[in-house]
Structures are given as C-alpha cells and as structure tokens.
C-alpha cells in the first residue's frame, strides 16, 4: 500500500517551508515567509509509537510499529503582542525518505498549561 501526502521530494528545508507557507498563511492571516528563509531549524527521526498521538486515529492503519518518520521543527512569527514577537513552534511530520509531508502542526498550550499539537493541515486526508 502506498501512502501519499504532499510531495516534497528533493526539496531542502527552505523549499519545504516555501511549499507549506500557504497553509500557515491560511491559518495565520497575513503570515509570510521571508525570501530564502526556512520555518524549520531542527530535524528528528521518530518511530510510530512516538508520534501516534498526533496522527489522527483514522490514519493509524496506514502504519506499523516499525514505521519511521522524519520531522522538522522551528518557529514562525505570526504577529506581535504588546511589542513582542508572537513566536509559535511549528513542526512537520514526513515519511522516512523526506518525500512526502503527512502533517503540518503547531505546538500550542492548553487551558491547563499542557502542550498539545494542533494540526494545521492533514495531508494524509487530502
């Protein structure tokens, strides 16, 4: 079974950022990425059990416990609050080969102060 997402095959983090910019600007009105800039600064390798909590349950059947994922994270500045930049942590979950993006997420703080992911775009559903 072939799992598809948003194709980013051959792109570096800057190219991936540019391709995802439209989804961030749809979520945060007025957001724009500077020319040549990347939203992502760190890369990570994960197994399914480490990311299963952020992957919507309806997609769990697409993966096994041995499934590996690459992720990147960084910051986006979405405005200013009381003179300070409003920085948000953004992340992307991709296949092991970095060919397809599966999820574009934000880390947000819940009412109890817990960190929880918010999915901006689920490319597995597309």
N, C-alpha and C. Protein backbone atom coordinates (compact mmCIF):
# COMPACT_ATOMS: atom_id res chain seq x y z
N UNK A 1 0.84 -1.17 0.00
CA UNK A 1 0.00 0.00 0.00
C UNK A 1 0.89 1.24 0.00
N UNK A 2 0.59 2.16 -0.85
CA UNK A 2 1.35 3.39 -0.97
C UNK A 2 0.65 4.49 -0.17
N UNK A 3 1.42 5.15 0.67
CA UNK A 3 0.88 6.24 1.49
C UNK A 3 1.30 7.55 0.83
N UNK A 4 0.37 8.40 0.57
CA UNK A 4 0.67 9.69 -0.07
C UNK A 4 0.44 10.83 0.91
N UNK A 5 1.10 11.90 0.64
CA UNK A 5 0.93 13.14 1.37
C UNK A 5 1.22 14.24 0.37
N UNK A 6 1.72 15.35 0.85
CA UNK A 6 2.13 16.45 -0.02
C UNK A 6 3.56 16.16 -0.49
N UNK A 7 3.75 16.02 -1.79
CA UNK A 7 5.08 15.68 -2.30
C UNK A 7 6.06 16.83 -2.13
N UNK A 8 7.21 16.52 -1.52
CA UNK A 8 8.29 17.49 -1.33
C UNK A 8 9.64 16.86 -1.72
N UNK A 9 9.58 15.81 -2.49
CA UNK A 9 10.77 15.05 -2.89
C UNK A 9 11.83 15.97 -3.49
N UNK A 10 13.05 15.86 -2.96
CA UNK A 10 14.17 16.64 -3.47
C UNK A 10 14.30 18.05 -2.90
N UNK A 11 13.35 18.48 -2.07
CA UNK A 11 13.41 19.83 -1.50
C UNK A 11 14.17 19.84 -0.19
N UNK A 12 14.91 20.90 0.07
CA UNK A 12 15.53 21.08 1.38
C UNK A 12 14.53 21.78 2.29
N UNK A 13 14.95 22.09 3.52
CA UNK A 13 14.02 22.69 4.49
C UNK A 13 13.47 24.03 4.01
N UNK A 14 14.26 24.80 3.28
CA UNK A 14 13.78 26.07 2.75
C UNK A 14 12.71 25.84 1.69
N UNK A 15 12.94 24.89 0.79
CA UNK A 15 11.97 24.57 -0.24
C UNK A 15 10.67 24.03 0.36
N UNK A 16 10.80 23.18 1.38
CA UNK A 16 9.62 22.65 2.05
C UNK A 16 8.86 23.78 2.73
N UNK A 17 9.58 24.69 3.38
CA UNK A 17 8.95 25.84 4.02
C UNK A 17 8.17 26.67 3.01
N UNK A 18 8.76 26.92 1.87
CA UNK A 18 8.09 27.72 0.86
C UNK A 18 6.83 27.02 0.35
N UNK A 19 6.88 25.70 0.23
CA UNK A 19 5.72 24.95 -0.24
C UNK A 19 4.59 24.95 0.81
N UNK A 20 4.96 24.99 2.09
CA UNK A 20 3.98 24.96 3.17
C UNK A 20 3.50 26.34 3.60
N UNK A 21 4.15 27.38 3.12
CA UNK A 21 3.82 28.75 3.53
C UNK A 21 2.34 29.07 3.35
N UNK A 22 1.73 28.61 2.28
CA UNK A 22 0.33 28.91 2.01
C UNK A 22 -0.58 28.38 3.11
N UNK A 23 -0.26 27.23 3.67
CA UNK A 23 -1.10 26.64 4.72
C UNK A 23 -0.95 27.40 6.04
N UNK A 24 0.25 27.89 6.31
CA UNK A 24 0.47 28.70 7.52
C UNK A 24 -0.22 30.05 7.35
N UNK A 25 -0.12 30.64 6.15
CA UNK A 25 -0.77 31.95 5.95
C UNK A 25 -2.29 31.83 5.95
N UNK A 26 -2.83 30.67 5.58
CA UNK A 26 -4.28 30.46 5.70
C UNK A 26 -4.70 30.33 7.16
N UNK A 27 -3.82 29.80 7.99
CA UNK A 27 -4.12 29.62 9.41
C UNK A 27 -3.91 30.92 10.19
N UNK A 28 -2.80 31.62 9.86
CA UNK A 28 -2.49 32.91 10.48
C UNK A 28 -2.54 33.97 9.39
N UNK A 29 -3.66 34.66 9.31
CA UNK A 29 -3.83 35.67 8.27
C UNK A 29 -2.67 36.66 8.28
N UNK A 30 -2.11 36.89 7.11
CA UNK A 30 -1.03 37.86 6.98
C UNK A 30 0.36 37.30 7.16
N UNK A 31 0.49 36.02 7.52
CA UNK A 31 1.82 35.43 7.68
C UNK A 31 2.51 35.34 6.33
N UNK A 32 3.79 35.67 6.31
CA UNK A 32 4.58 35.44 5.10
C UNK A 32 6.00 35.09 5.52
N UNK A 33 6.59 34.24 4.73
CA UNK A 33 7.95 33.77 4.95
C UNK A 33 8.88 34.66 4.15
N UNK A 34 9.97 35.10 4.77
CA UNK A 34 10.94 35.93 4.06
C UNK A 34 11.65 35.14 2.98
N UNK A 35 12.07 35.81 1.95
CA UNK A 35 12.76 35.17 0.83
C UNK A 35 13.98 34.39 1.34
N UNK A 36 14.07 33.14 0.95
CA UNK A 36 15.20 32.31 1.33
C UNK A 36 15.20 31.83 2.76
N UNK A 37 14.13 32.09 3.50
CA UNK A 37 14.07 31.67 4.91
C UNK A 37 13.37 30.32 5.04
N UNK A 38 13.68 29.64 6.13
CA UNK A 38 13.07 28.36 6.44
C UNK A 38 12.34 28.46 7.77
N UNK A 39 11.19 27.82 7.86
CA UNK A 39 10.47 27.76 9.13
C UNK A 39 11.13 26.74 10.06
N UNK A 40 11.89 25.83 9.49
CA UNK A 40 12.39 24.68 10.24
C UNK A 40 13.88 24.79 10.53
N UNK A 41 14.26 24.40 11.77
CA UNK A 41 15.65 24.50 12.20
C UNK A 41 16.23 23.19 12.69
N UNK A 42 15.37 22.27 13.11
CA UNK A 42 15.84 21.01 13.68
C UNK A 42 15.16 19.84 12.99
N UNK A 43 15.91 18.76 12.85
CA UNK A 43 15.35 17.54 12.29
C UNK A 43 15.35 16.43 13.32
N UNK A 44 14.37 15.53 13.21
CA UNK A 44 14.22 14.45 14.17
C UNK A 44 13.77 13.19 13.44
N UNK A 45 14.16 12.01 13.97
CA UNK A 45 13.68 10.73 13.47
C UNK A 45 12.78 10.13 14.54
N UNK A 46 11.63 9.60 14.14
CA UNK A 46 10.66 9.03 15.07
C UNK A 46 10.18 7.66 14.60
N UNK A 47 9.78 6.84 15.54
CA UNK A 47 9.04 5.63 15.25
C UNK A 47 7.56 5.92 15.49
N UNK A 48 6.71 5.05 14.93
CA UNK A 48 5.27 5.25 15.01
C UNK A 48 4.78 5.49 16.44
N UNK A 49 5.28 4.69 17.40
CA UNK A 49 4.78 4.83 18.77
C UNK A 49 5.09 6.20 19.37
N UNK A 50 6.10 6.88 18.85
CA UNK A 50 6.46 8.20 19.36
C UNK A 50 5.56 9.31 18.81
N UNK A 51 4.95 9.07 17.66
CA UNK A 51 4.13 10.11 17.03
C UNK A 51 2.67 9.70 16.86
N UNK A 52 2.32 8.51 17.30
CA UNK A 52 0.95 8.03 17.09
C UNK A 52 -0.09 8.93 17.74
N UNK A 53 0.29 9.63 18.79
CA UNK A 53 -0.63 10.52 19.49
C UNK A 53 -1.02 11.75 18.69
N UNK A 54 -0.19 12.14 17.72
CA UNK A 54 -0.55 13.31 16.90
C UNK A 54 -1.14 12.92 15.56
N UNK A 55 -0.92 11.67 15.15
CA UNK A 55 -1.50 11.20 13.89
C UNK A 55 -2.97 10.86 14.15
N UNK A 56 -3.89 11.46 13.41
CA UNK A 56 -5.31 11.15 13.62
C UNK A 56 -5.56 9.65 13.55
N UNK A 57 -6.40 9.16 14.43
CA UNK A 57 -6.67 7.72 14.56
C UNK A 57 -7.10 7.08 13.25
N UNK A 58 -7.80 7.81 12.40
CA UNK A 58 -8.27 7.22 11.15
C UNK A 58 -7.13 6.86 10.19
N UNK A 59 -5.90 7.32 10.50
CA UNK A 59 -4.74 7.01 9.65
C UNK A 59 -3.82 5.95 10.26
N UNK A 60 -4.08 5.52 11.47
CA UNK A 60 -3.19 4.58 12.15
C UNK A 60 -3.01 3.28 11.36
N UNK A 61 -4.03 2.84 10.66
CA UNK A 61 -3.94 1.59 9.89
C UNK A 61 -2.92 1.67 8.75
N UNK A 62 -2.51 2.87 8.38
CA UNK A 62 -1.54 3.04 7.29
C UNK A 62 -0.11 2.70 7.72
N UNK A 63 0.11 2.61 9.03
CA UNK A 63 1.46 2.45 9.56
C UNK A 63 1.57 1.22 10.45
N UNK A 64 2.82 0.78 10.66
CA UNK A 64 3.10 -0.32 11.58
C UNK A 64 3.96 0.22 12.71
N UNK A 65 4.20 -0.60 13.72
CA UNK A 65 5.07 -0.19 14.82
C UNK A 65 6.49 0.09 14.35
N UNK A 66 6.88 -0.49 13.22
CA UNK A 66 8.23 -0.28 12.68
C UNK A 66 8.33 0.93 11.74
N UNK A 67 7.21 1.58 11.47
CA UNK A 67 7.22 2.74 10.58
C UNK A 67 8.09 3.84 11.18
N UNK A 68 8.91 4.44 10.32
CA UNK A 68 9.78 5.54 10.73
C UNK A 68 9.32 6.82 10.04
N UNK A 69 9.55 7.91 10.72
CA UNK A 69 9.15 9.22 10.23
C UNK A 69 10.29 10.20 10.44
N UNK A 70 10.36 11.20 9.59
CA UNK A 70 11.24 12.33 9.81
C UNK A 70 10.37 13.51 10.19
N UNK A 71 10.88 14.31 11.08
CA UNK A 71 10.16 15.51 11.47
C UNK A 71 11.12 16.68 11.49
N UNK A 72 10.57 17.85 11.27
CA UNK A 72 11.36 19.08 11.40
C UNK A 72 10.53 20.04 12.25
N UNK A 73 11.24 20.85 13.02
CA UNK A 73 10.55 21.84 13.83
C UNK A 73 11.29 23.16 13.79
N UNK A 74 10.58 24.20 14.16
CA UNK A 74 11.16 25.53 14.19
C UNK A 74 10.12 26.52 14.69
N UNK A 75 10.30 27.78 14.31
CA UNK A 75 9.43 28.85 14.78
C UNK A 75 8.87 29.64 13.61
N UNK A 76 7.66 30.15 13.80
CA UNK A 76 7.10 31.14 12.90
C UNK A 76 6.70 32.34 13.75
N UNK A 77 6.87 33.51 13.21
CA UNK A 77 6.43 34.74 13.87
C UNK A 77 5.14 35.15 13.19
N UNK A 78 4.05 35.17 13.97
CA UNK A 78 2.73 35.39 13.39
C UNK A 78 2.14 36.76 13.74
N UNK A 79 2.94 37.61 14.32
CA UNK A 79 2.47 38.94 14.69
C UNK A 79 3.22 39.42 15.91
N UNK A 80 2.67 40.42 16.56
CA UNK A 80 3.28 40.98 17.76
C UNK A 80 2.21 41.18 18.82
N UNK A 81 2.58 40.89 20.06
CA UNK A 81 1.68 41.07 21.19
C UNK A 81 2.41 41.96 22.19
N UNK A 82 1.84 43.11 22.47
CA UNK A 82 2.42 44.06 23.41
C UNK A 82 3.89 44.34 23.10
N UNK A 83 4.18 44.54 21.80
CA UNK A 83 5.53 44.90 21.39
C UNK A 83 6.50 43.75 21.27
N UNK A 84 6.08 42.53 21.60
CA UNK A 84 6.95 41.36 21.49
C UNK A 84 6.48 40.49 20.32
N UNK A 85 7.45 39.87 19.64
CA UNK A 85 7.11 38.98 18.55
C UNK A 85 6.31 37.79 19.08
N UNK A 86 5.25 37.45 18.39
CA UNK A 86 4.42 36.29 18.74
C UNK A 86 4.97 35.09 17.98
N UNK A 87 5.89 34.37 18.63
CA UNK A 87 6.53 33.20 18.03
C UNK A 87 5.74 31.94 18.38
N UNK A 88 5.57 31.08 17.38
CA UNK A 88 4.90 29.81 17.59
C UNK A 88 5.81 28.69 17.12
N UNK A 89 5.77 27.58 17.82
CA UNK A 89 6.54 26.41 17.41
C UNK A 89 5.74 25.66 16.35
N UNK A 90 6.39 25.39 15.24
CA UNK A 90 5.75 24.69 14.13
C UNK A 90 6.54 23.43 13.83
N UNK A 91 5.84 22.40 13.39
CA UNK A 91 6.53 21.16 13.05
C UNK A 91 5.85 20.49 11.87
N UNK A 92 6.61 19.62 11.24
CA UNK A 92 6.11 18.87 10.11
C UNK A 92 6.51 17.42 10.30
N UNK A 93 5.60 16.51 9.97
CA UNK A 93 5.86 15.07 10.04
C UNK A 93 5.85 14.53 8.62
N UNK A 94 6.95 13.84 8.26
CA UNK A 94 7.13 13.33 6.90
C UNK A 94 7.47 11.85 6.91
N UNK A 95 7.47 11.26 5.74
CA UNK A 95 7.90 9.88 5.61
C UNK A 95 9.41 9.79 5.85
N UNK A 96 9.90 8.58 5.97
CA UNK A 96 11.31 8.35 6.29
C UNK A 96 12.26 8.92 5.24
N UNK A 97 11.85 8.96 3.99
CA UNK A 97 12.71 9.43 2.91
C UNK A 97 12.60 10.94 2.64
N UNK A 98 11.77 11.62 3.38
CA UNK A 98 11.52 13.06 3.18
C UNK A 98 10.92 13.36 1.81
N UNK A 99 10.11 12.43 1.30
CA UNK A 99 9.46 12.64 0.01
C UNK A 99 8.06 13.23 0.15
N UNK A 100 7.39 12.94 1.27
CA UNK A 100 6.00 13.38 1.46
C UNK A 100 5.80 13.94 2.86
N UNK A 101 5.08 15.06 2.92
CA UNK A 101 4.66 15.63 4.20
C UNK A 101 3.32 15.02 4.56
N UNK A 102 3.20 14.54 5.79
CA UNK A 102 1.95 13.96 6.27
C UNK A 102 1.13 14.97 7.08
N UNK A 103 1.80 15.66 8.02
CA UNK A 103 1.10 16.60 8.90
C UNK A 103 1.91 17.88 9.08
N UNK A 104 1.21 18.99 9.15
CA UNK A 104 1.79 20.29 9.49
C UNK A 104 1.12 20.71 10.79
N UNK A 105 1.89 20.92 11.85
CA UNK A 105 1.33 21.14 13.19
C UNK A 105 1.93 22.36 13.89
N UNK A 106 1.20 22.84 14.86
CA UNK A 106 1.67 23.84 15.81
C UNK A 106 1.68 23.20 17.19
N UNK A 107 2.60 23.64 18.03
CA UNK A 107 2.54 23.26 19.44
C UNK A 107 1.88 24.42 20.16
N UNK A 108 0.75 24.15 20.78
CA UNK A 108 0.04 25.20 21.50
C UNK A 108 -0.15 24.78 22.94
N UNK A 109 -0.41 25.75 23.78
CA UNK A 109 -0.60 25.49 25.20
C UNK A 109 -2.09 25.45 25.50
N UNK A 110 -2.52 24.36 26.14
CA UNK A 110 -3.92 24.20 26.51
C UNK A 110 -4.27 25.01 27.74
N UNK A 111 -5.52 24.92 28.14
CA UNK A 111 -6.02 25.68 29.29
C UNK A 111 -5.33 25.33 30.59
N UNK A 112 -4.87 24.08 30.72
CA UNK A 112 -4.19 23.63 31.94
C UNK A 112 -2.68 23.80 31.85
N UNK A 113 -2.19 24.46 30.78
CA UNK A 113 -0.77 24.67 30.61
C UNK A 113 -0.04 23.53 29.91
N UNK A 114 -0.79 22.50 29.49
CA UNK A 114 -0.18 21.37 28.80
C UNK A 114 0.08 21.72 27.34
N UNK A 115 1.16 21.16 26.80
CA UNK A 115 1.50 21.38 25.41
C UNK A 115 0.72 20.36 24.58
N UNK A 116 0.05 20.84 23.56
CA UNK A 116 -0.73 19.95 22.71
C UNK A 116 -0.55 20.36 21.25
N UNK A 117 -0.47 19.38 20.37
CA UNK A 117 -0.34 19.72 18.95
C UNK A 117 -1.68 20.11 18.35
N UNK A 118 -1.64 21.07 17.46
CA UNK A 118 -2.79 21.47 16.67
C UNK A 118 -2.41 21.23 15.22
N UNK A 119 -3.20 20.44 14.52
CA UNK A 119 -2.90 20.15 13.12
C UNK A 119 -3.41 21.29 12.26
N UNK A 120 -2.49 21.93 11.54
CA UNK A 120 -2.85 22.97 10.58
C UNK A 120 -3.35 22.33 9.30
N UNK A 121 -2.65 21.28 8.86
CA UNK A 121 -3.04 20.60 7.62
C UNK A 121 -2.69 19.12 7.72
N UNK A 122 -3.68 18.29 7.44
CA UNK A 122 -3.53 16.84 7.41
C UNK A 122 -3.47 16.42 5.95
N UNK A 123 -2.28 16.18 5.43
CA UNK A 123 -2.11 15.83 4.03
C UNK A 123 -2.45 14.36 3.77
N UNK A 124 -2.56 13.55 4.79
CA UNK A 124 -2.97 12.16 4.61
C UNK A 124 -4.43 12.07 4.19
N UNK A 125 -5.22 13.07 4.57
CA UNK A 125 -6.64 13.10 4.24
C UNK A 125 -6.91 13.68 2.87
N UNK A 126 -5.92 14.33 2.32
CA UNK A 126 -6.11 15.02 1.03
C UNK A 126 -6.30 14.07 -0.12
